[in-house]
N, C-alpha and C. Protein backbone atom coordinates (compact mmCIF):
# COMPACT_ATOMS: atom_id res chain seq x y z
N ASP A 1 8.63 -8.82 5.30
CA ASP A 1 8.71 -7.41 4.95
C ASP A 1 9.08 -6.62 6.19
N GLY A 2 9.86 -5.57 6.01
CA GLY A 2 10.33 -4.80 7.15
C GLY A 2 11.58 -5.41 7.77
N THR A 3 12.42 -5.99 6.93
CA THR A 3 13.62 -6.67 7.40
C THR A 3 14.52 -5.76 8.23
N THR A 4 14.72 -4.54 7.77
CA THR A 4 15.57 -3.60 8.51
C THR A 4 14.98 -3.32 9.88
N ASN A 5 13.66 -3.15 9.95
CA ASN A 5 13.00 -2.96 11.25
C ASN A 5 13.29 -4.15 12.15
N PHE A 6 13.09 -5.35 11.62
CA PHE A 6 13.31 -6.57 12.40
C PHE A 6 14.75 -6.64 12.93
N MET A 7 15.71 -6.33 12.06
CA MET A 7 17.12 -6.40 12.46
C MET A 7 17.49 -5.37 13.52
N HIS A 8 16.70 -4.30 13.61
CA HIS A 8 16.94 -3.26 14.62
C HIS A 8 15.98 -3.37 15.80
N ALA A 9 15.28 -4.48 15.92
CA ALA A 9 14.33 -4.72 17.02
C ALA A 9 13.20 -3.70 17.05
N MET A 10 12.87 -3.14 15.89
CA MET A 10 11.71 -2.27 15.79
C MET A 10 10.50 -3.16 15.51
N PRO A 11 9.47 -3.12 16.33
CA PRO A 11 8.37 -4.08 16.22
C PRO A 11 7.34 -3.73 15.14
N HIS A 12 7.83 -3.50 13.93
CA HIS A 12 6.93 -3.22 12.81
C HIS A 12 7.47 -3.97 11.58
N PHE A 13 7.08 -5.22 11.46
CA PHE A 13 7.49 -6.07 10.36
C PHE A 13 6.40 -7.12 10.17
N ALA A 14 6.46 -7.84 9.06
CA ALA A 14 5.40 -8.81 8.77
C ALA A 14 5.89 -9.90 7.84
N ILE A 15 5.13 -10.96 7.81
CA ILE A 15 5.27 -12.02 6.82
C ILE A 15 4.12 -11.82 5.85
N THR A 16 4.40 -11.82 4.56
CA THR A 16 3.34 -11.54 3.59
C THR A 16 3.43 -12.50 2.41
N VAL A 17 2.27 -12.95 1.94
CA VAL A 17 2.18 -13.86 0.80
C VAL A 17 0.99 -13.45 -0.05
N GLY A 18 1.20 -13.39 -1.35
CA GLY A 18 0.12 -13.15 -2.29
C GLY A 18 0.07 -14.27 -3.31
N LEU A 19 -1.11 -14.65 -3.70
CA LEU A 19 -1.29 -15.70 -4.71
C LEU A 19 -1.84 -15.08 -5.98
N GLU A 20 -1.06 -15.22 -7.06
CA GLU A 20 -1.47 -14.71 -8.37
C GLU A 20 -1.82 -15.91 -9.25
N ARG A 21 -2.98 -15.87 -9.85
CA ARG A 21 -3.41 -16.96 -10.73
C ARG A 21 -3.34 -16.49 -12.18
N LYS A 22 -2.70 -17.29 -13.00
CA LYS A 22 -2.63 -17.00 -14.43
C LYS A 22 -3.81 -17.63 -15.14
N HIS A 23 -4.36 -16.91 -16.11
CA HIS A 23 -5.50 -17.38 -16.89
C HIS A 23 -5.02 -17.90 -18.24
N PRO A 24 -5.82 -18.73 -18.90
CA PRO A 24 -5.42 -19.28 -20.20
C PRO A 24 -5.10 -18.22 -21.26
N ASP A 25 -5.72 -17.03 -21.14
CA ASP A 25 -5.47 -15.98 -22.12
C ASP A 25 -4.16 -15.23 -21.87
N GLY A 26 -3.41 -15.62 -20.81
CA GLY A 26 -2.15 -14.97 -20.50
C GLY A 26 -2.25 -13.89 -19.44
N SER A 27 -3.46 -13.44 -19.14
CA SER A 27 -3.62 -12.44 -18.09
C SER A 27 -3.50 -13.12 -16.72
N SER A 28 -3.40 -12.32 -15.70
CA SER A 28 -3.33 -12.87 -14.35
C SER A 28 -4.00 -11.92 -13.38
N GLU A 29 -4.35 -12.47 -12.22
CA GLU A 29 -4.95 -11.65 -11.17
C GLU A 29 -4.53 -12.19 -9.81
N ILE A 30 -4.47 -11.31 -8.85
CA ILE A 30 -4.17 -11.71 -7.49
C ILE A 30 -5.48 -12.21 -6.88
N VAL A 31 -5.49 -13.43 -6.36
CA VAL A 31 -6.73 -14.03 -5.88
C VAL A 31 -6.75 -14.27 -4.38
N ALA A 32 -5.61 -14.19 -3.71
CA ALA A 32 -5.58 -14.37 -2.26
C ALA A 32 -4.34 -13.70 -1.71
N GLY A 33 -4.44 -13.27 -0.46
CA GLY A 33 -3.30 -12.65 0.20
C GLY A 33 -3.40 -12.77 1.70
N VAL A 34 -2.24 -12.85 2.34
CA VAL A 34 -2.14 -12.92 3.79
C VAL A 34 -0.94 -12.09 4.22
N THR A 35 -1.11 -11.28 5.24
CA THR A 35 -0.01 -10.56 5.87
C THR A 35 -0.18 -10.69 7.37
N TYR A 36 0.87 -11.18 8.04
CA TYR A 36 0.80 -11.40 9.48
C TYR A 36 1.85 -10.56 10.18
N ASN A 37 1.42 -9.76 11.14
CA ASN A 37 2.31 -9.00 12.01
C ASN A 37 2.38 -9.75 13.33
N PRO A 38 3.46 -10.50 13.57
CA PRO A 38 3.52 -11.32 14.77
C PRO A 38 3.59 -10.53 16.07
N VAL A 39 4.13 -9.34 16.04
CA VAL A 39 4.24 -8.53 17.25
C VAL A 39 2.86 -8.12 17.75
N MET A 40 1.98 -7.72 16.84
CA MET A 40 0.63 -7.28 17.19
C MET A 40 -0.39 -8.41 17.12
N ASN A 41 0.06 -9.58 16.68
CA ASN A 41 -0.84 -10.72 16.46
C ASN A 41 -2.01 -10.32 15.56
N GLU A 42 -1.67 -9.63 14.48
CA GLU A 42 -2.68 -9.19 13.51
C GLU A 42 -2.49 -9.95 12.21
N LEU A 43 -3.54 -10.64 11.81
CA LEU A 43 -3.55 -11.39 10.55
C LEU A 43 -4.52 -10.70 9.60
N PHE A 44 -3.97 -10.07 8.56
CA PHE A 44 -4.77 -9.47 7.49
C PHE A 44 -4.87 -10.50 6.39
N TRP A 45 -6.09 -10.69 5.86
CA TRP A 45 -6.24 -11.68 4.79
C TRP A 45 -7.41 -11.29 3.90
N ALA A 46 -7.31 -11.74 2.65
CA ALA A 46 -8.37 -11.47 1.68
C ALA A 46 -8.37 -12.56 0.63
N GLU A 47 -9.56 -12.78 0.09
CA GLU A 47 -9.73 -13.66 -1.05
C GLU A 47 -10.57 -12.90 -2.07
N LYS A 48 -10.18 -12.99 -3.32
CA LYS A 48 -10.85 -12.24 -4.39
C LYS A 48 -12.37 -12.44 -4.31
N GLY A 49 -13.09 -11.33 -4.24
CA GLY A 49 -14.55 -11.35 -4.21
C GLY A 49 -15.18 -11.65 -2.86
N LYS A 50 -14.36 -11.80 -1.81
CA LYS A 50 -14.90 -12.19 -0.49
C LYS A 50 -14.60 -11.19 0.61
N GLY A 51 -13.98 -10.04 0.29
CA GLY A 51 -13.70 -9.04 1.30
C GLY A 51 -12.31 -9.16 1.88
N CYS A 52 -11.99 -8.23 2.77
CA CYS A 52 -10.71 -8.18 3.45
C CYS A 52 -10.97 -8.21 4.95
N TYR A 53 -10.11 -8.91 5.68
CA TYR A 53 -10.33 -9.13 7.11
C TYR A 53 -9.07 -8.86 7.91
N LEU A 54 -9.27 -8.41 9.14
CA LEU A 54 -8.23 -8.34 10.15
C LEU A 54 -8.64 -9.32 11.23
N ASN A 55 -7.87 -10.39 11.37
CA ASN A 55 -8.24 -11.53 12.21
C ASN A 55 -9.63 -12.00 11.76
N ASP A 56 -10.66 -11.85 12.57
CA ASP A 56 -12.00 -12.33 12.18
C ASP A 56 -12.97 -11.22 11.81
N GLN A 57 -12.50 -9.97 11.77
CA GLN A 57 -13.37 -8.83 11.50
C GLN A 57 -13.15 -8.28 10.10
N ARG A 58 -14.25 -8.07 9.39
CA ARG A 58 -14.15 -7.46 8.07
C ARG A 58 -13.70 -6.01 8.23
N ILE A 59 -12.84 -5.56 7.31
CA ILE A 59 -12.34 -4.19 7.38
C ILE A 59 -12.65 -3.43 6.09
N ARG A 60 -12.64 -2.10 6.20
CA ARG A 60 -12.93 -1.21 5.06
C ARG A 60 -11.94 -0.05 5.07
N VAL A 61 -11.69 0.49 3.89
CA VAL A 61 -10.87 1.69 3.78
C VAL A 61 -11.58 2.85 4.46
N SER A 62 -10.83 3.90 4.76
CA SER A 62 -11.42 5.07 5.42
C SER A 62 -12.42 5.76 4.49
N GLY A 63 -13.26 6.57 5.08
CA GLY A 63 -14.24 7.31 4.30
C GLY A 63 -13.88 8.78 4.10
N ARG A 64 -12.67 9.17 4.47
CA ARG A 64 -12.29 10.58 4.33
C ARG A 64 -12.31 10.98 2.86
N ARG A 65 -12.71 12.23 2.65
CA ARG A 65 -12.82 12.75 1.29
C ARG A 65 -11.85 13.91 1.04
N ASP A 66 -11.31 14.45 2.11
CA ASP A 66 -10.48 15.65 2.02
C ASP A 66 -9.03 15.29 2.34
N LEU A 67 -8.14 15.51 1.40
CA LEU A 67 -6.72 15.20 1.62
C LEU A 67 -6.15 15.95 2.82
N SER A 68 -6.64 17.15 3.08
CA SER A 68 -6.08 17.94 4.18
C SER A 68 -6.36 17.32 5.54
N GLU A 69 -7.26 16.38 5.62
CA GLU A 69 -7.57 15.68 6.87
C GLU A 69 -6.97 14.27 6.89
N SER A 70 -6.20 13.92 5.88
CA SER A 70 -5.76 12.54 5.67
C SER A 70 -4.35 12.27 6.18
N LEU A 71 -4.18 11.04 6.69
CA LEU A 71 -2.88 10.54 7.10
C LEU A 71 -2.39 9.59 6.02
N ILE A 72 -1.25 9.90 5.44
CA ILE A 72 -0.73 9.19 4.29
C ILE A 72 0.55 8.45 4.68
N SER A 73 0.73 7.27 4.12
CA SER A 73 1.94 6.49 4.35
C SER A 73 2.74 6.41 3.06
N THR A 74 4.04 6.33 3.22
CA THR A 74 4.93 6.16 2.07
C THR A 74 6.17 5.39 2.50
N GLY A 75 7.00 5.09 1.55
CA GLY A 75 8.30 4.49 1.81
C GLY A 75 9.37 5.34 1.18
N LEU A 76 10.58 5.19 1.64
CA LEU A 76 11.72 5.93 1.10
C LEU A 76 12.80 4.94 0.70
N PRO A 77 13.53 5.25 -0.35
CA PRO A 77 14.62 4.35 -0.74
C PRO A 77 15.73 4.36 0.32
N PHE A 78 16.37 3.21 0.48
CA PHE A 78 17.46 3.09 1.42
C PHE A 78 18.78 3.01 0.66
N ILE A 79 19.85 2.89 1.36
CA ILE A 79 21.18 2.89 0.75
C ILE A 79 21.26 1.86 -0.38
N GLY A 80 21.82 2.29 -1.50
CA GLY A 80 21.97 1.41 -2.65
C GLY A 80 20.77 1.39 -3.59
N LYS A 81 19.68 2.04 -3.21
CA LYS A 81 18.49 2.10 -4.07
C LYS A 81 18.42 3.45 -4.75
N SER A 82 17.85 3.48 -5.94
CA SER A 82 17.68 4.74 -6.65
C SER A 82 16.36 5.40 -6.23
N GLY A 83 16.19 6.63 -6.65
CA GLY A 83 14.92 7.32 -6.44
C GLY A 83 14.87 8.28 -5.28
N HIS A 84 16.00 8.60 -4.67
CA HIS A 84 16.00 9.51 -3.52
C HIS A 84 15.45 10.89 -3.89
N ALA A 85 15.90 11.45 -4.99
CA ALA A 85 15.46 12.80 -5.38
C ALA A 85 13.96 12.82 -5.66
N GLN A 86 13.44 11.80 -6.35
CA GLN A 86 12.01 11.76 -6.63
C GLN A 86 11.20 11.62 -5.34
N SER A 87 11.69 10.85 -4.40
CA SER A 87 10.99 10.69 -3.12
C SER A 87 10.87 12.01 -2.39
N ILE A 88 11.92 12.81 -2.42
CA ILE A 88 11.87 14.13 -1.77
C ILE A 88 10.85 15.01 -2.47
N LYS A 89 10.80 14.97 -3.80
CA LYS A 89 9.81 15.74 -4.54
C LYS A 89 8.39 15.29 -4.17
N ASP A 90 8.19 13.98 -4.10
CA ASP A 90 6.86 13.45 -3.74
C ASP A 90 6.43 13.91 -2.36
N ILE A 91 7.34 13.79 -1.39
CA ILE A 91 7.00 14.18 -0.01
C ILE A 91 6.72 15.67 0.07
N HIS A 92 7.50 16.46 -0.64
CA HIS A 92 7.28 17.92 -0.65
C HIS A 92 5.90 18.24 -1.23
N ALA A 93 5.56 17.63 -2.36
CA ALA A 93 4.27 17.91 -3.01
C ALA A 93 3.09 17.44 -2.17
N VAL A 94 3.19 16.25 -1.62
CA VAL A 94 2.08 15.68 -0.84
C VAL A 94 2.00 16.31 0.54
N GLY A 95 3.15 16.51 1.17
CA GLY A 95 3.18 17.01 2.55
C GLY A 95 2.50 18.35 2.76
N GLN A 96 2.45 19.17 1.73
CA GLN A 96 1.79 20.47 1.83
C GLN A 96 0.27 20.38 1.80
N ARG A 97 -0.26 19.18 1.51
CA ARG A 97 -1.70 19.04 1.28
C ARG A 97 -2.39 18.06 2.22
N VAL A 98 -1.64 17.43 3.14
CA VAL A 98 -2.22 16.38 3.98
C VAL A 98 -1.97 16.67 5.46
N ALA A 99 -2.72 15.97 6.31
CA ALA A 99 -2.55 16.13 7.75
C ALA A 99 -1.23 15.56 8.24
N GLY A 100 -0.73 14.54 7.55
CA GLY A 100 0.54 13.97 7.96
C GLY A 100 0.99 12.86 7.03
N ILE A 101 2.31 12.64 7.01
CA ILE A 101 2.91 11.56 6.24
C ILE A 101 3.70 10.69 7.23
N ARG A 102 3.55 9.39 7.11
CA ARG A 102 4.29 8.45 7.95
C ARG A 102 5.13 7.52 7.08
N ARG A 103 6.29 7.12 7.62
CA ARG A 103 7.17 6.17 6.95
C ARG A 103 7.66 5.19 8.01
N LEU A 104 7.02 4.01 8.07
CA LEU A 104 7.37 3.04 9.10
C LEU A 104 8.20 1.87 8.59
N GLY A 105 8.33 1.68 7.27
CA GLY A 105 9.29 0.73 6.75
C GLY A 105 8.81 -0.67 6.46
N ALA A 106 7.51 -0.86 6.24
CA ALA A 106 7.00 -2.18 5.85
C ALA A 106 5.79 -1.96 4.94
N ALA A 107 6.03 -2.01 3.64
CA ALA A 107 4.96 -1.73 2.67
C ALA A 107 3.77 -2.67 2.84
N SER A 108 4.01 -3.92 3.20
CA SER A 108 2.90 -4.85 3.38
C SER A 108 1.95 -4.37 4.46
N LEU A 109 2.49 -3.81 5.54
CA LEU A 109 1.63 -3.28 6.60
C LEU A 109 1.03 -1.94 6.21
N ASP A 110 1.73 -1.15 5.39
CA ASP A 110 1.12 0.09 4.90
C ASP A 110 -0.16 -0.21 4.13
N PHE A 111 -0.10 -1.19 3.23
CA PHE A 111 -1.30 -1.60 2.49
C PHE A 111 -2.39 -2.09 3.44
N ALA A 112 -2.01 -2.95 4.38
CA ALA A 112 -2.99 -3.50 5.32
C ALA A 112 -3.64 -2.40 6.14
N TRP A 113 -2.86 -1.41 6.53
CA TRP A 113 -3.41 -0.32 7.33
C TRP A 113 -4.31 0.60 6.50
N VAL A 114 -4.04 0.73 5.21
CA VAL A 114 -4.99 1.45 4.33
C VAL A 114 -6.30 0.66 4.27
N ALA A 115 -6.20 -0.64 4.08
CA ALA A 115 -7.40 -1.48 4.01
C ALA A 115 -8.22 -1.38 5.30
N ALA A 116 -7.54 -1.24 6.44
CA ALA A 116 -8.22 -1.16 7.74
C ALA A 116 -8.65 0.26 8.10
N GLY A 117 -8.32 1.24 7.26
CA GLY A 117 -8.70 2.62 7.55
C GLY A 117 -7.79 3.34 8.53
N ARG A 118 -6.69 2.74 8.91
CA ARG A 118 -5.73 3.39 9.81
C ARG A 118 -4.97 4.48 9.08
N TYR A 119 -4.56 4.19 7.87
CA TYR A 119 -4.03 5.20 6.96
C TYR A 119 -5.11 5.48 5.93
N ASP A 120 -5.12 6.70 5.42
CA ASP A 120 -6.08 7.04 4.38
C ASP A 120 -5.55 6.73 3.00
N ALA A 121 -4.24 6.66 2.85
CA ALA A 121 -3.64 6.36 1.55
C ALA A 121 -2.19 5.91 1.74
N PHE A 122 -1.66 5.30 0.69
CA PHE A 122 -0.27 4.85 0.66
C PHE A 122 0.26 5.06 -0.75
N PHE A 123 1.50 5.54 -0.84
CA PHE A 123 2.17 5.60 -2.14
C PHE A 123 3.64 5.25 -1.94
N GLU A 124 4.20 4.66 -2.99
CA GLU A 124 5.63 4.37 -2.97
C GLU A 124 6.07 4.01 -4.38
N ARG A 125 7.33 4.28 -4.65
CA ARG A 125 7.95 3.92 -5.92
C ARG A 125 9.02 2.85 -5.67
N ASN A 126 9.30 2.06 -6.68
CA ASN A 126 10.40 1.10 -6.67
C ASN A 126 10.26 -0.05 -5.69
N LEU A 127 9.05 -0.55 -5.55
CA LEU A 127 8.83 -1.78 -4.79
C LEU A 127 8.95 -2.98 -5.73
N GLN A 128 8.78 -4.15 -5.19
CA GLN A 128 8.83 -5.38 -5.98
C GLN A 128 7.44 -6.05 -5.96
N PRO A 129 7.16 -6.92 -6.91
CA PRO A 129 5.86 -7.60 -6.93
C PRO A 129 5.50 -8.29 -5.61
N TRP A 130 6.47 -8.90 -4.96
CA TRP A 130 6.18 -9.59 -3.70
C TRP A 130 5.86 -8.61 -2.56
N ASP A 131 6.27 -7.35 -2.70
CA ASP A 131 5.93 -6.34 -1.70
C ASP A 131 4.47 -5.91 -1.78
N VAL A 132 3.89 -6.00 -2.98
CA VAL A 132 2.57 -5.40 -3.21
C VAL A 132 1.45 -6.39 -3.45
N ALA A 133 1.75 -7.65 -3.73
CA ALA A 133 0.72 -8.60 -4.18
C ALA A 133 -0.44 -8.71 -3.20
N ALA A 134 -0.19 -9.06 -1.96
CA ALA A 134 -1.27 -9.21 -0.98
C ALA A 134 -1.96 -7.87 -0.75
N GLY A 135 -1.17 -6.81 -0.63
CA GLY A 135 -1.71 -5.49 -0.31
C GLY A 135 -2.66 -4.93 -1.35
N ILE A 136 -2.38 -5.16 -2.62
CA ILE A 136 -3.29 -4.71 -3.67
C ILE A 136 -4.66 -5.33 -3.46
N LEU A 137 -4.67 -6.63 -3.19
CA LEU A 137 -5.95 -7.31 -2.96
C LEU A 137 -6.63 -6.80 -1.70
N PHE A 138 -5.87 -6.58 -0.63
CA PHE A 138 -6.47 -6.06 0.61
C PHE A 138 -7.22 -4.76 0.35
N VAL A 139 -6.54 -3.82 -0.28
CA VAL A 139 -7.14 -2.50 -0.48
C VAL A 139 -8.36 -2.58 -1.38
N THR A 140 -8.26 -3.33 -2.47
CA THR A 140 -9.42 -3.41 -3.38
C THR A 140 -10.58 -4.16 -2.74
N GLU A 141 -10.29 -5.22 -2.00
CA GLU A 141 -11.37 -5.95 -1.33
C GLU A 141 -11.98 -5.16 -0.16
N ALA A 142 -11.26 -4.17 0.35
CA ALA A 142 -11.76 -3.32 1.42
C ALA A 142 -12.44 -2.07 0.87
N GLY A 143 -12.64 -2.01 -0.45
CA GLY A 143 -13.36 -0.89 -1.05
C GLY A 143 -12.50 0.20 -1.63
N GLY A 144 -11.19 0.01 -1.69
CA GLY A 144 -10.30 1.03 -2.20
C GLY A 144 -9.88 0.82 -3.64
N VAL A 145 -8.98 1.67 -4.08
CA VAL A 145 -8.47 1.67 -5.45
C VAL A 145 -6.95 1.66 -5.39
N VAL A 146 -6.33 0.84 -6.23
CA VAL A 146 -4.87 0.78 -6.33
C VAL A 146 -4.51 0.91 -7.80
N THR A 147 -3.67 1.88 -8.12
CA THR A 147 -3.17 2.05 -9.48
C THR A 147 -1.69 2.40 -9.41
N THR A 148 -1.10 2.54 -10.56
CA THR A 148 0.23 3.13 -10.62
C THR A 148 0.06 4.64 -10.54
N ILE A 149 1.15 5.32 -10.34
CA ILE A 149 1.11 6.77 -10.35
C ILE A 149 0.89 7.25 -11.78
N ASP A 150 1.59 6.63 -12.74
CA ASP A 150 1.34 6.93 -14.14
C ASP A 150 0.01 6.35 -14.57
N ILE A 151 -0.49 6.79 -15.68
CA ILE A 151 -1.84 6.43 -16.13
C ILE A 151 -1.97 4.98 -16.54
N ASP A 152 -1.01 4.42 -17.28
CA ASP A 152 -1.22 3.11 -17.89
C ASP A 152 -0.36 1.99 -17.33
N GLY A 153 0.12 2.10 -16.12
CA GLY A 153 0.99 1.07 -15.57
C GLY A 153 0.23 -0.06 -14.89
N ASP A 154 0.94 -1.13 -14.59
CA ASP A 154 0.38 -2.27 -13.88
C ASP A 154 0.88 -2.23 -12.44
N PRO A 155 -0.01 -2.02 -11.47
CA PRO A 155 0.45 -1.92 -10.08
C PRO A 155 1.10 -3.21 -9.55
N LYS A 156 0.80 -4.35 -10.16
CA LYS A 156 1.35 -5.62 -9.68
C LYS A 156 2.88 -5.69 -9.81
N ASN A 157 3.47 -4.87 -10.67
CA ASN A 157 4.93 -4.91 -10.80
C ASN A 157 5.62 -4.16 -9.67
N GLY A 158 4.87 -3.36 -8.91
CA GLY A 158 5.40 -2.68 -7.74
C GLY A 158 6.22 -1.44 -8.01
N LYS A 159 6.43 -1.08 -9.26
CA LYS A 159 7.32 0.03 -9.58
C LYS A 159 6.82 1.37 -9.08
N GLN A 160 5.53 1.53 -9.02
CA GLN A 160 4.95 2.76 -8.48
C GLN A 160 3.49 2.49 -8.10
N ILE A 161 3.14 2.84 -6.89
CA ILE A 161 1.85 2.47 -6.33
C ILE A 161 1.21 3.68 -5.67
N VAL A 162 -0.09 3.80 -5.85
CA VAL A 162 -0.88 4.73 -5.06
C VAL A 162 -2.19 4.02 -4.73
N ALA A 163 -2.50 3.95 -3.43
CA ALA A 163 -3.66 3.20 -2.94
C ALA A 163 -4.43 4.06 -1.94
N ALA A 164 -5.75 4.08 -2.08
CA ALA A 164 -6.59 4.87 -1.17
C ALA A 164 -8.05 4.53 -1.44
N ASN A 165 -8.94 5.23 -0.75
CA ASN A 165 -10.36 5.07 -1.06
C ASN A 165 -10.64 5.74 -2.40
N PRO A 166 -11.82 5.49 -2.99
CA PRO A 166 -12.10 6.03 -4.33
C PRO A 166 -12.13 7.56 -4.41
N GLU A 167 -12.33 8.25 -3.30
CA GLU A 167 -12.34 9.71 -3.31
C GLU A 167 -10.92 10.29 -3.29
N LEU A 168 -10.08 9.74 -2.43
CA LEU A 168 -8.74 10.30 -2.25
C LEU A 168 -7.73 9.84 -3.29
N GLN A 169 -7.89 8.62 -3.79
CA GLN A 169 -6.89 8.04 -4.68
C GLN A 169 -6.62 8.91 -5.91
N PRO A 170 -7.65 9.37 -6.65
CA PRO A 170 -7.34 10.20 -7.82
C PRO A 170 -6.73 11.55 -7.45
N GLN A 171 -7.08 12.09 -6.30
CA GLN A 171 -6.49 13.36 -5.86
C GLN A 171 -5.00 13.19 -5.59
N LEU A 172 -4.66 12.15 -4.85
CA LEU A 172 -3.26 11.90 -4.52
C LEU A 172 -2.46 11.54 -5.77
N ARG A 173 -3.06 10.76 -6.63
CA ARG A 173 -2.39 10.37 -7.87
C ARG A 173 -2.03 11.59 -8.71
N LYS A 174 -2.93 12.53 -8.80
CA LYS A 174 -2.70 13.75 -9.58
C LYS A 174 -1.53 14.56 -9.01
N ILE A 175 -1.45 14.67 -7.70
CA ILE A 175 -0.35 15.38 -7.06
C ILE A 175 0.97 14.70 -7.35
N LEU A 176 0.98 13.35 -7.25
CA LEU A 176 2.21 12.60 -7.50
C LEU A 176 2.63 12.66 -8.96
N GLN A 177 1.69 12.67 -9.87
CA GLN A 177 2.02 12.79 -11.29
C GLN A 177 2.70 14.12 -11.57
N ALA A 178 2.25 15.17 -10.90
CA ALA A 178 2.82 16.50 -11.11
C ALA A 178 4.21 16.63 -10.45
N ALA A 179 4.48 15.80 -9.45
CA ALA A 179 5.77 15.89 -8.75
C ALA A 179 6.86 15.32 -9.65
């Protein structure tokens, strides 16, 4: 993840793997995930029901409750991708209510940094399942909430994601729904 960063020698990229297990009833769940940032030598990992870790230390989402004090991460579509106009609407709506928005170009690390409390929240549209699989588990195992922006979507498909602690996530989701 972060291929463009890697190709431009920007030291913000990662290798990420998520394991999804299918159940006999046809449902599935993400049961393990790993994201490694080789530049920082940071290994984020989680196993369903066992917590989320950065190297050997357990990590937790931030405890901030006020969006105006929060640092939010997002992604933007690049050339050849759709959704540019919606992204501008999202940034405009969210940017007026938060301490800052960052876009560093590696969704796997955005999720990991939410799980570690470095970012207070992350949102993005038009990702792929492989972009979000490990990260969904990281955030939930670190005490956070991950949903789609819309009410009834499945975040595992990556089409629209909002992740944060239980206090901030519904606030951010509401703003994004209105955008």
